[in-house]
Amino acid sequence: MQQPCLPQLLQYKKHVLVCTGPRCAPDQAPPLYAYLKQRLKDLGLSGVEGGVMRSQCHCFGICESGPLLVVYPEGVWYHHITQEKLDRIIQEHLISNRPIEEYVFHKN
């Protein structure tokens, strides 16, 4: 019996997931995800060299206090994300490995 072809995933240091709705922040979350994509690209953080993977999820099952964002492998959950807060998360958490406690509502 032949083994199925497994998907290939390159190494990354951080994985950022953004809840893009539809309930808690349907107007803010999709543009925020697009902004994250562009900022990571501009800063050289996307792709294999940059080490940050990003994904959008259609529901985290919390449905309040959005837009929501979680950073793995730490399992740090952020609430009420804006572009300004996202810029700070990128600089302090993704680049300098310091979660921003005032934006955090849960840690694994």
N, C-alpha and C. Protein backbone atom coordinates (compact mmCIF):
# COMPACT_ATOMS: atom_id res chain seq x y z
N MET A 1 0.84 -1.18 0.00
CA MET A 1 0.00 0.00 0.00
C MET A 1 0.89 1.25 0.00
N GLN A 2 0.59 2.15 -0.88
CA GLN A 2 1.39 3.37 -1.03
C GLN A 2 0.98 4.42 0.01
N GLN A 3 1.99 5.06 0.63
CA GLN A 3 1.73 6.11 1.61
C GLN A 3 1.21 7.36 0.91
N PRO A 4 0.27 8.08 1.52
CA PRO A 4 -0.20 9.33 0.91
C PRO A 4 0.90 10.38 0.94
N CYS A 5 0.85 11.26 -0.01
CA CYS A 5 1.80 12.36 -0.07
C CYS A 5 1.44 13.37 1.03
N LEU A 6 2.40 13.63 1.90
CA LEU A 6 2.14 14.56 3.00
C LEU A 6 2.48 15.98 2.61
N PRO A 7 1.74 16.95 3.14
CA PRO A 7 2.04 18.35 2.81
C PRO A 7 3.38 18.76 3.43
N GLN A 8 4.03 19.71 2.81
CA GLN A 8 5.29 20.24 3.30
C GLN A 8 5.04 21.58 3.97
N LEU A 9 5.59 21.76 5.15
CA LEU A 9 5.46 23.02 5.87
C LEU A 9 6.85 23.42 6.33
N LEU A 10 7.26 24.62 5.95
CA LEU A 10 8.58 25.10 6.31
C LEU A 10 8.61 25.58 7.76
N GLN A 11 9.79 25.61 8.33
CA GLN A 11 9.94 26.03 9.72
C GLN A 11 9.55 27.49 9.91
N TYR A 12 8.94 27.78 11.04
CA TYR A 12 8.63 29.15 11.41
C TYR A 12 8.74 29.27 12.93
N LYS A 13 8.93 30.51 13.40
CA LYS A 13 9.12 30.76 14.83
C LYS A 13 7.82 31.11 15.53
N LYS A 14 6.97 31.87 14.87
CA LYS A 14 5.71 32.32 15.44
C LYS A 14 4.59 32.09 14.44
N HIS A 15 3.39 31.87 14.98
CA HIS A 15 2.21 31.72 14.15
C HIS A 15 1.16 32.67 14.71
N VAL A 16 0.73 33.61 13.90
CA VAL A 16 -0.27 34.61 14.30
C VAL A 16 -1.59 34.25 13.63
N LEU A 17 -2.61 34.06 14.45
CA LEU A 17 -3.95 33.77 13.94
C LEU A 17 -4.86 34.93 14.26
N VAL A 18 -5.64 35.35 13.28
CA VAL A 18 -6.58 36.46 13.45
C VAL A 18 -7.98 35.93 13.18
N CYS A 19 -8.88 36.19 14.12
CA CYS A 19 -10.28 35.84 13.92
C CYS A 19 -10.90 36.88 12.99
N THR A 20 -11.39 36.44 11.86
CA THR A 20 -11.95 37.37 10.88
C THR A 20 -13.48 37.30 10.82
N GLY A 21 -14.09 36.83 11.88
CA GLY A 21 -15.53 36.95 11.99
C GLY A 21 -16.27 35.67 11.71
N PRO A 22 -17.55 35.82 11.59
CA PRO A 22 -18.29 37.02 11.22
C PRO A 22 -18.93 37.77 12.38
N ARG A 23 -18.79 37.32 13.63
CA ARG A 23 -19.61 37.89 14.70
C ARG A 23 -18.99 39.06 15.45
N CYS A 24 -17.79 38.91 16.00
CA CYS A 24 -17.33 39.89 16.99
C CYS A 24 -16.77 41.19 16.39
N ALA A 25 -16.26 41.15 15.18
CA ALA A 25 -15.72 42.38 14.57
C ALA A 25 -15.72 42.25 13.05
N PRO A 26 -16.89 42.09 12.45
CA PRO A 26 -16.95 41.80 11.01
C PRO A 26 -16.40 42.89 10.12
N ASP A 27 -16.44 44.14 10.56
CA ASP A 27 -15.95 45.24 9.72
C ASP A 27 -14.46 45.51 9.93
N GLN A 28 -13.95 45.25 11.13
CA GLN A 28 -12.56 45.58 11.43
C GLN A 28 -11.58 44.44 11.15
N ALA A 29 -11.98 43.19 11.38
CA ALA A 29 -11.04 42.08 11.35
C ALA A 29 -10.44 41.78 9.96
N PRO A 30 -11.22 41.69 8.87
CA PRO A 30 -10.60 41.40 7.58
C PRO A 30 -9.57 42.46 7.14
N PRO A 31 -9.85 43.76 7.29
CA PRO A 31 -8.81 44.74 6.94
C PRO A 31 -7.59 44.64 7.86
N LEU A 32 -7.80 44.26 9.11
CA LEU A 32 -6.69 44.10 10.05
C LEU A 32 -5.79 42.95 9.61
N TYR A 33 -6.40 41.86 9.15
CA TYR A 33 -5.63 40.72 8.65
C TYR A 33 -4.81 41.12 7.41
N ALA A 34 -5.42 41.88 6.52
CA ALA A 34 -4.70 42.36 5.34
C ALA A 34 -3.55 43.27 5.75
N TYR A 35 -3.77 44.10 6.75
CA TYR A 35 -2.72 44.99 7.26
C TYR A 35 -1.57 44.16 7.86
N LEU A 36 -1.91 43.11 8.61
CA LEU A 36 -0.88 42.23 9.17
C LEU A 36 -0.03 41.63 8.05
N LYS A 37 -0.67 41.15 7.01
CA LYS A 37 0.04 40.56 5.87
C LYS A 37 1.04 41.56 5.29
N GLN A 38 0.60 42.78 5.06
CA GLN A 38 1.47 43.79 4.47
C GLN A 38 2.60 44.19 5.41
N ARG A 39 2.30 44.38 6.69
CA ARG A 39 3.33 44.78 7.67
C ARG A 39 4.41 43.71 7.80
N LEU A 40 4.00 42.44 7.87
CA LEU A 40 4.99 41.36 7.97
C LEU A 40 5.87 41.34 6.73
N LYS A 41 5.27 41.55 5.58
CA LYS A 41 6.04 41.59 4.33
C LYS A 41 7.00 42.79 4.33
N ASP A 42 6.50 43.96 4.70
CA ASP A 42 7.33 45.18 4.72
C ASP A 42 8.52 45.04 5.66
N LEU A 43 8.32 44.36 6.79
CA LEU A 43 9.36 44.21 7.79
C LEU A 43 10.25 42.99 7.58
N GLY A 44 9.98 42.24 6.52
CA GLY A 44 10.78 41.05 6.24
C GLY A 44 10.52 39.91 7.22
N LEU A 45 9.34 39.89 7.80
CA LEU A 45 9.01 38.86 8.79
C LEU A 45 8.21 37.71 8.21
N SER A 46 7.73 37.84 6.99
CA SER A 46 6.93 36.76 6.41
C SER A 46 7.85 35.81 5.65
N GLY A 47 7.33 34.66 5.36
CA GLY A 47 8.10 33.68 4.62
C GLY A 47 9.11 32.96 5.50
N VAL A 48 9.90 32.12 4.88
CA VAL A 48 10.86 31.29 5.60
C VAL A 48 11.90 32.14 6.31
N GLU A 49 12.40 33.16 5.64
CA GLU A 49 13.45 34.00 6.22
C GLU A 49 12.95 34.76 7.44
N GLY A 50 11.71 35.23 7.39
CA GLY A 50 11.17 36.04 8.47
C GLY A 50 10.69 35.25 9.67
N GLY A 51 10.27 34.03 9.44
CA GLY A 51 9.89 33.15 10.53
C GLY A 51 8.51 33.34 11.13
N VAL A 52 7.66 34.19 10.53
CA VAL A 52 6.32 34.39 11.08
C VAL A 52 5.29 33.91 10.06
N MET A 53 4.47 32.99 10.50
CA MET A 53 3.37 32.50 9.68
C MET A 53 2.09 33.18 10.16
N ARG A 54 1.17 33.42 9.27
CA ARG A 54 -0.09 34.04 9.66
C ARG A 54 -1.23 33.24 9.05
N SER A 55 -2.34 33.23 9.77
CA SER A 55 -3.54 32.54 9.30
C SER A 55 -4.76 33.31 9.77
N GLN A 56 -5.81 33.24 8.97
CA GLN A 56 -7.08 33.81 9.41
C GLN A 56 -8.02 32.66 9.75
N CYS A 57 -8.80 32.85 10.78
CA CYS A 57 -9.78 31.87 11.22
C CYS A 57 -11.13 32.56 11.22
N HIS A 58 -12.15 31.84 10.83
CA HIS A 58 -13.46 32.47 10.73
C HIS A 58 -14.21 32.53 12.05
N CYS A 59 -13.73 31.83 13.07
CA CYS A 59 -14.34 31.97 14.39
C CYS A 59 -13.46 31.30 15.42
N PHE A 60 -13.15 32.03 16.49
CA PHE A 60 -12.43 31.46 17.64
C PHE A 60 -13.42 30.94 18.68
N GLY A 61 -14.71 31.19 18.48
CA GLY A 61 -15.73 30.72 19.39
C GLY A 61 -15.89 31.59 20.63
N ILE A 62 -15.32 32.78 20.62
CA ILE A 62 -15.45 33.69 21.76
C ILE A 62 -16.50 34.75 21.45
N CYS A 63 -16.47 35.29 20.26
CA CYS A 63 -17.51 36.17 19.72
C CYS A 63 -17.77 37.44 20.54
N GLU A 64 -16.73 37.98 21.14
CA GLU A 64 -16.81 39.28 21.80
C GLU A 64 -15.41 39.83 21.95
N SER A 65 -15.32 41.12 22.12
CA SER A 65 -14.04 41.81 22.37
C SER A 65 -13.09 41.77 21.19
N GLY A 66 -13.61 41.58 19.98
CA GLY A 66 -12.77 41.50 18.80
C GLY A 66 -12.44 42.86 18.22
N PRO A 67 -11.56 42.85 17.27
CA PRO A 67 -10.87 41.72 16.69
C PRO A 67 -9.93 41.03 17.70
N LEU A 68 -9.88 39.71 17.56
CA LEU A 68 -9.03 38.89 18.41
C LEU A 68 -7.85 38.37 17.61
N LEU A 69 -6.74 38.15 18.32
CA LEU A 69 -5.51 37.67 17.70
C LEU A 69 -4.82 36.77 18.71
N VAL A 70 -4.23 35.67 18.25
CA VAL A 70 -3.47 34.78 19.14
C VAL A 70 -2.11 34.51 18.50
N VAL A 71 -1.08 34.48 19.35
CA VAL A 71 0.28 34.22 18.89
C VAL A 71 0.74 32.89 19.50
N TYR A 72 1.15 31.98 18.63
CA TYR A 72 1.72 30.69 19.03
C TYR A 72 3.18 30.67 18.63
N PRO A 73 4.04 29.96 19.36
CA PRO A 73 3.73 28.86 20.25
C PRO A 73 3.39 29.26 21.69
N GLU A 74 3.47 30.53 22.01
CA GLU A 74 3.23 30.95 23.39
C GLU A 74 1.77 30.79 23.81
N GLY A 75 0.84 30.89 22.88
CA GLY A 75 -0.58 30.82 23.22
C GLY A 75 -1.06 32.08 23.91
N VAL A 76 -0.61 33.23 23.42
CA VAL A 76 -0.99 34.52 23.99
C VAL A 76 -2.13 35.10 23.17
N TRP A 77 -3.26 35.39 23.85
CA TRP A 77 -4.47 35.88 23.20
C TRP A 77 -4.64 37.37 23.46
N TYR A 78 -4.87 38.13 22.38
CA TYR A 78 -5.06 39.58 22.46
C TYR A 78 -6.49 39.95 22.07
N HIS A 79 -6.99 41.04 22.63
CA HIS A 79 -8.36 41.49 22.38
C HIS A 79 -8.38 42.92 21.85
N HIS A 80 -9.51 43.30 21.27
CA HIS A 80 -9.76 44.66 20.75
C HIS A 80 -8.56 45.18 19.93
N ILE A 81 -8.12 44.42 18.97
CA ILE A 81 -6.93 44.77 18.20
C ILE A 81 -7.26 45.87 17.18
N THR A 82 -6.39 46.86 17.13
CA THR A 82 -6.43 47.94 16.14
C THR A 82 -5.11 47.89 15.38
N GLN A 83 -4.98 48.70 14.34
CA GLN A 83 -3.70 48.76 13.62
C GLN A 83 -2.59 49.23 14.54
N GLU A 84 -2.87 50.18 15.41
CA GLU A 84 -1.85 50.69 16.32
C GLU A 84 -1.40 49.60 17.29
N LYS A 85 -2.37 48.87 17.84
CA LYS A 85 -2.02 47.77 18.75
C LYS A 85 -1.26 46.67 18.00
N LEU A 86 -1.69 46.39 16.78
CA LEU A 86 -1.02 45.37 15.98
C LEU A 86 0.43 45.76 15.70
N ASP A 87 0.68 47.01 15.40
CA ASP A 87 2.06 47.46 15.19
C ASP A 87 2.91 47.21 16.43
N ARG A 88 2.34 47.49 17.57
CA ARG A 88 3.07 47.28 18.83
C ARG A 88 3.29 45.79 19.09
N ILE A 89 2.29 44.95 18.81
CA ILE A 89 2.43 43.50 18.97
C ILE A 89 3.53 42.98 18.06
N ILE A 90 3.57 43.47 16.83
CA ILE A 90 4.62 43.04 15.90
C ILE A 90 5.99 43.39 16.45
N GLN A 91 6.17 44.64 16.87
CA GLN A 91 7.48 45.09 17.36
C GLN A 91 7.88 44.41 18.66
N GLU A 92 6.98 44.39 19.62
CA GLU A 92 7.35 43.92 20.95
C GLU A 92 7.21 42.41 21.12
N HIS A 93 6.14 41.82 20.59
CA HIS A 93 5.96 40.38 20.79
C HIS A 93 6.65 39.56 19.70
N LEU A 94 6.34 39.86 18.44
CA LEU A 94 6.90 39.03 17.38
C LEU A 94 8.40 39.23 17.20
N ILE A 95 8.86 40.46 17.31
CA ILE A 95 10.29 40.74 17.09
C ILE A 95 11.09 40.60 18.38
N SER A 96 10.60 41.17 19.48
CA SER A 96 11.37 41.20 20.73
C SER A 96 10.95 40.15 21.76
N ASN A 97 9.97 39.30 21.41
CA ASN A 97 9.52 38.22 22.29
C ASN A 97 9.01 38.70 23.64
N ARG A 98 8.35 39.85 23.67
CA ARG A 98 7.77 40.39 24.90
C ARG A 98 6.27 40.62 24.67
N PRO A 99 5.41 39.70 25.15
CA PRO A 99 3.97 39.92 25.02
C PRO A 99 3.57 41.23 25.71
N ILE A 100 2.54 41.86 25.19
CA ILE A 100 2.06 43.13 25.73
C ILE A 100 0.91 42.83 26.69
N GLU A 101 1.23 42.80 27.96
CA GLU A 101 0.29 42.35 28.99
C GLU A 101 -1.02 43.14 29.01
N GLU A 102 -0.98 44.42 28.72
CA GLU A 102 -2.21 45.22 28.79
C GLU A 102 -3.22 44.87 27.71
N TYR A 103 -2.81 44.17 26.66
CA TYR A 103 -3.72 43.73 25.59
C TYR A 103 -4.14 42.28 25.73
N VAL A 104 -3.51 41.53 26.64
CA VAL A 104 -3.71 40.09 26.78
C VAL A 104 -4.94 39.80 27.62
N PHE A 105 -5.75 38.81 27.16
CA PHE A 105 -6.86 38.37 27.98
C PHE A 105 -6.74 36.89 28.36
N HIS A 106 -5.78 36.17 27.75
CA HIS A 106 -5.60 34.77 28.10
C HIS A 106 -4.21 34.31 27.64
N LYS A 107 -3.62 33.41 28.43
CA LYS A 107 -2.36 32.75 28.06
C LYS A 107 -2.52 31.25 28.30
N ASN A 108 -2.00 30.46 27.38
CA ASN A 108 -1.98 29.01 27.58
C ASN A 108 -0.79 28.65 28.42
